[in-house]
Protein backbone atom coordinates (compact mmCIF):
# COMPACT_ATOMS: atom_id res chain seq x y z
CA MET A 1 5.57 1.93 -16.07
CA GLY A 2 6.10 0.86 -12.48
CA LEU A 3 9.00 -1.60 -12.57
CA GLY A 4 11.53 0.25 -10.41
CA ALA A 5 12.29 3.64 -8.94
CA SER A 6 15.03 5.33 -6.93
CA VAL A 7 14.88 8.04 -4.29
CA TRP A 8 18.06 9.98 -3.66
CA THR A 9 18.24 12.18 -0.56
CA LYS A 10 19.97 12.70 2.78
CA ASP A 11 16.57 13.00 4.51
CA LEU A 12 15.65 9.36 5.25
CA THR A 13 12.26 10.31 6.72
CA ALA A 14 11.32 12.02 3.47
CA ALA A 15 12.76 9.12 1.47
CA ASP A 16 10.54 6.65 3.34
CA ARG A 17 7.44 8.80 2.79
CA ILE A 18 8.16 9.21 -0.92
CA ALA A 19 9.15 5.56 -1.48
CA ARG A 20 5.85 4.32 0.01
CA GLN A 21 3.90 6.58 -2.36
CA LEU A 22 5.64 5.38 -5.52
CA GLU A 23 3.76 2.80 -7.59
CA ALA A 24 6.77 0.62 -8.42
CA GLY A 25 7.62 -3.01 -7.78
CA SER A 26 11.06 -2.13 -6.40
CA VAL A 27 12.10 1.15 -4.81
CA TRP A 28 15.71 1.81 -3.87
CA VAL A 29 16.84 4.56 -1.51
CA ASN A 30 20.24 6.08 -2.25
CA ASN A 31 21.19 3.24 -4.62
CA HIS A 32 19.73 1.60 -7.71
CA PHE A 33 19.20 -1.92 -9.03
CA GLN A 34 20.58 -3.83 -6.08
CA LEU A 35 18.61 -7.11 -6.12
CA HIS A 36 18.57 -9.97 -3.62
CA ALA A 37 17.37 -13.52 -4.29
CA ASN A 38 15.30 -13.62 -1.09
CA VAL A 39 13.33 -10.46 -1.93
CA PRO A 40 10.48 -10.53 -4.46
CA ASN A 41 11.15 -8.59 -7.65
CA GLY A 42 8.18 -7.62 -9.80
CA GLY A 43 6.50 -4.65 -11.36
CA HIS A 44 3.35 -2.64 -10.92
CA LYS A 45 0.96 -1.31 -13.54
CA GLN A 46 2.12 -2.17 -17.10
CA SER A 47 5.57 -3.49 -16.10
CA GLY A 48 4.77 -7.11 -16.61
CA ILE A 49 2.96 -9.84 -14.81
CA GLY A 50 4.37 -11.91 -11.98
CA VAL A 51 7.28 -11.79 -9.65
CA GLU A 52 10.74 -13.35 -9.42
CA GLY A 53 12.77 -14.28 -6.37
CA SER A 54 11.74 -15.42 -2.88
CA LYS A 55 8.77 -17.66 -1.99
CA GLU A 56 6.47 -15.36 -3.95
CA GLY A 57 8.50 -16.05 -7.08
CA LEU A 58 8.39 -19.80 -6.52
CA LYS A 59 4.62 -19.64 -6.12
CA GLU A 60 4.43 -18.33 -9.70
CA PHE A 61 5.24 -21.88 -10.82
CA CYS A 62 2.49 -23.45 -8.71
CA ASN A 63 -1.18 -24.00 -9.39
CA VAL A 64 -3.68 -22.98 -6.75
CA GLN A 65 -6.30 -25.53 -5.80
CA ALA A 66 -9.27 -25.08 -3.47
CA ILE A 67 -11.07 -28.13 -2.08
CA PHE A 68 -14.51 -27.56 -0.57
CA TRP A 69 -15.87 -30.17 1.85
CA GLN A 70 -19.31 -30.43 3.28
CA LYS A 71 -19.76 -32.82 6.18
């Protein structure tokens, strides 16, 4: 679904390569489900819409407005 994934290995170079290829909102290397309030937490694909935590999470509660001026 794309919410979270874990990579377990002693080879950190391989872990980095694999983690970057995974289509998941959170990827942990050699641990699982360790969340931090200052890091965005959200899913990819069919794992839900939006994000929690960090500035990105706060922006979910805001409305975007564009103002176009012609002088």
